[in-house]
């Protein structure tokens, strides 16, 4: 099998972000990199990047959740207790996540993370933070370009809030095809 050389392409991007985004998608995890034939060195580096992001920013959420789960009285139903017990037992949230099978291809990503929040509390937060980053800034840049038309010399008395509302309306009208 020939190895894919992502370092050639991804060295010009935010490597850490790419690694975390693909890893936070339960259809992919790190299996995606292996199945795509990425070079072993790249896969090792990507895993290290995911671990680093998780450990520096999100592992604390996992530990806090596990500790608070241990102190909760047993008033919930058996399914809730089983889910909480699994969260407590998991000494390493990432390893537990990695052992899971791939999610089906026709699923809602955010719904999946909501359903698995008690199992993977730190990874759930990491996923929501990372997956909230827009893929492109083109739409935002277009809105800023429209702002210079709104804030002309004759309209310089508009405050920022009103100018933002006008820009939003213009964007929505274009999206809906109104005024063409």
Protein backbone atom coordinates (compact mmCIF):
# COMPACT_ATOMS: atom_id res chain seq x y z
CA UNK A 1 0.00 0.00 0.00
CA UNK A 2 1.40 3.37 -0.94
CA UNK A 3 1.49 5.90 1.86
CA UNK A 4 -0.31 9.22 1.51
CA UNK A 5 1.98 12.15 2.29
CA UNK A 6 -0.21 14.73 4.02
CA UNK A 7 2.81 16.62 5.38
CA UNK A 8 3.34 17.91 1.85
CA UNK A 9 -0.08 19.58 1.89
CA UNK A 10 -0.98 20.15 5.53
CA UNK A 11 2.30 21.76 6.52
CA UNK A 12 0.83 24.99 5.16
CA UNK A 13 -2.29 24.74 7.37
CA UNK A 14 -3.03 24.49 11.07
CA UNK A 15 -1.99 20.86 11.49
CA UNK A 16 -3.26 20.62 15.07
CA UNK A 17 -6.72 21.83 14.07
CA UNK A 18 -6.95 19.36 11.17
CA UNK A 19 -5.91 16.47 13.41
CA UNK A 20 -8.47 17.41 16.09
CA UNK A 21 -11.33 17.98 13.64
CA UNK A 22 -10.94 14.60 11.97
CA UNK A 23 -10.43 12.88 15.32
CA UNK A 24 -13.55 14.47 16.86
CA UNK A 25 -15.73 13.02 14.11
CA UNK A 26 -16.76 9.57 15.43
CA UNK A 27 -17.02 8.27 11.86
CA UNK A 28 -13.30 8.91 11.45
CA UNK A 29 -11.28 9.10 14.67
CA UNK A 30 -7.72 8.09 13.89
CA UNK A 31 -8.86 5.16 11.75
CA UNK A 32 -9.43 7.64 8.95
CA UNK A 33 -5.73 8.47 8.79
CA UNK A 34 -4.73 4.80 8.72
CA UNK A 35 -7.32 3.79 6.12
CA UNK A 36 -6.34 6.74 3.91
CA UNK A 37 -2.74 5.50 4.01
CA UNK A 38 -1.23 8.48 5.81
CA UNK A 39 2.43 8.03 6.70
CA UNK A 40 3.06 6.50 10.13
CA UNK A 41 5.12 9.47 11.30
CA UNK A 42 2.28 11.84 10.41
CA UNK A 43 -0.27 9.67 12.26
CA UNK A 44 1.92 9.62 15.37
CA UNK A 45 2.31 13.37 15.26
CA UNK A 46 -1.45 13.86 14.75
CA UNK A 47 -2.22 11.65 17.76
CA UNK A 48 0.25 13.65 19.85
CA UNK A 49 -1.44 16.88 18.79
CA UNK A 50 -4.89 15.56 19.76
CA UNK A 51 -3.53 14.35 23.14
CA UNK A 52 -1.86 17.72 23.73
CA UNK A 53 -5.02 19.72 23.01
CA UNK A 54 -7.13 17.35 25.10
CA UNK A 55 -4.73 17.23 28.06
CA UNK A 56 -4.07 20.97 28.21
CA UNK A 57 -7.66 22.16 27.84
CA UNK A 58 -10.23 19.39 28.25
CA UNK A 59 -8.99 16.56 30.49
CA UNK A 60 -9.90 18.64 33.52
CA UNK A 61 -13.58 18.52 32.45
CA UNK A 62 -13.40 14.74 32.33
CA UNK A 63 -11.89 14.52 35.82
CA UNK A 64 -14.41 17.00 37.29
CA UNK A 65 -17.30 15.07 35.80
CA UNK A 66 -15.97 11.74 37.05
CA UNK A 67 -15.53 13.14 40.57
CA UNK A 68 -18.99 14.70 40.65
CA UNK A 69 -20.51 11.45 39.36
CA UNK A 70 -18.92 9.52 42.23
CA UNK A 71 -20.56 11.82 44.78
CA UNK A 72 -24.10 11.68 43.30
CA UNK A 73 -26.60 9.60 45.24
CA UNK A 74 -28.17 6.64 43.42
CA UNK A 75 -31.54 8.25 42.65
CA UNK A 76 -31.34 7.87 38.85
CA UNK A 77 -32.51 4.94 36.75
CA UNK A 78 -30.29 1.97 35.81
CA UNK A 79 -29.36 3.36 32.36
CA UNK A 80 -28.12 6.60 33.89
CA UNK A 81 -26.14 4.69 36.53
CA UNK A 82 -24.57 2.47 33.89
CA UNK A 83 -23.53 5.46 31.79
CA UNK A 84 -22.12 7.27 34.81
CA UNK A 85 -20.28 4.15 35.99
CA UNK A 86 -18.67 3.79 32.56
CA UNK A 87 -17.58 7.44 32.72
CA UNK A 88 -16.02 6.84 36.16
CA UNK A 89 -14.24 3.65 35.14
CA UNK A 90 -12.69 5.25 32.08
CA UNK A 91 -9.24 6.21 33.29
CA UNK A 92 -8.49 7.50 29.84
CA UNK A 93 -11.37 9.04 27.96
CA UNK A 94 -9.53 9.13 24.65
CA UNK A 95 -8.69 5.42 24.77
CA UNK A 96 -12.32 4.56 25.51
CA UNK A 97 -13.46 6.77 22.63
CA UNK A 98 -10.90 5.18 20.32
CA UNK A 99 -12.11 1.66 21.14
CA UNK A 100 -15.65 2.44 20.01
CA UNK A 101 -16.78 1.37 16.58
CA UNK A 102 -17.28 3.93 13.86
CA UNK A 103 -20.58 5.80 13.84
CA UNK A 104 -22.93 5.24 10.94
CA UNK A 105 -22.46 7.52 7.94
CA UNK A 106 -25.95 9.03 8.18
CA UNK A 107 -25.99 10.61 11.61
CA UNK A 108 -26.06 14.06 13.17
CA UNK A 109 -22.63 14.87 14.58
CA UNK A 110 -23.77 17.20 17.36
CA UNK A 111 -26.58 14.82 18.36
CA UNK A 112 -24.01 12.00 18.63
CA UNK A 113 -21.89 14.10 20.98
CA UNK A 114 -24.94 15.09 23.04
CA UNK A 115 -25.86 11.41 23.42
CA UNK A 116 -22.33 10.47 24.49
CA UNK A 117 -21.59 13.45 26.74
CA UNK A 118 -21.56 11.40 29.96
CA UNK A 119 -19.13 8.89 28.48
CA UNK A 120 -16.75 11.48 27.02
CA UNK A 121 -17.30 14.80 28.82
CA UNK A 122 -13.90 16.29 27.97
CA UNK A 123 -13.97 15.13 24.35
CA UNK A 124 -17.53 16.40 23.99
CA UNK A 125 -16.43 19.90 25.02
CA UNK A 126 -13.38 19.67 22.78
CA UNK A 127 -15.56 18.56 19.85
CA UNK A 128 -18.07 21.36 20.34
CA UNK A 129 -15.27 23.94 20.51
CA UNK A 130 -13.39 22.62 17.51
CA UNK A 131 -16.34 21.75 15.30
CA UNK A 132 -17.80 25.24 15.85
CA UNK A 133 -14.94 26.76 13.85
CA UNK A 134 -16.22 27.72 10.38
CA UNK A 135 -14.61 25.93 7.48
CA UNK A 136 -14.26 29.16 5.56
CA UNK A 137 -14.39 32.85 6.30
CA UNK A 138 -15.77 33.80 2.89
CA UNK A 139 -19.25 34.63 4.21
CA UNK A 140 -17.86 36.79 7.01
CA UNK A 141 -15.54 38.61 4.60
CA UNK A 142 -18.49 39.27 2.28
CA UNK A 143 -20.43 40.83 5.15
CA UNK A 144 -17.46 43.05 6.04
CA UNK A 145 -17.22 44.14 2.41
CA UNK A 146 -20.87 45.17 2.56
CA UNK A 147 -20.16 47.19 5.71
CA UNK A 148 -18.09 49.71 3.75
CA UNK A 149 -21.13 50.35 1.56
CA UNK A 150 -23.31 50.85 4.63
CA UNK A 151 -20.90 53.12 6.50
CA UNK A 152 -20.32 55.73 3.81
CA UNK A 153 -19.54 59.37 4.64
CA UNK A 154 -23.22 60.34 4.60
CA UNK A 155 -24.07 57.59 7.07
CA UNK A 156 -21.21 58.01 9.48
CA UNK A 157 -23.61 58.73 12.34
CA UNK A 158 -24.86 55.13 12.38
CA UNK A 159 -23.84 53.27 15.49
CA UNK A 160 -22.23 49.85 15.32
CA UNK A 161 -25.36 47.97 16.40
CA UNK A 162 -27.57 49.50 13.69
CA UNK A 163 -24.88 49.02 11.02
CA UNK A 164 -24.63 45.35 12.04
CA UNK A 165 -28.40 44.92 11.76
CA UNK A 166 -28.42 46.48 8.29
CA UNK A 167 -25.57 44.19 7.18
CA UNK A 168 -27.41 41.14 8.57
CA UNK A 169 -30.61 42.07 6.75
CA UNK A 170 -28.71 42.52 3.50
CA UNK A 171 -27.05 39.13 3.95
CA UNK A 172 -30.36 37.43 4.71
CA UNK A 173 -32.07 39.09 1.73
CA UNK A 174 -29.29 37.84 -0.59
CA UNK A 175 -29.56 34.32 0.88
CA UNK A 176 -33.32 34.28 0.31
CA UNK A 177 -33.11 35.85 -3.14
CA UNK A 178 -35.10 38.90 -2.11
CA UNK A 179 -34.51 42.08 -4.09
CA UNK A 180 -32.75 40.51 -7.08
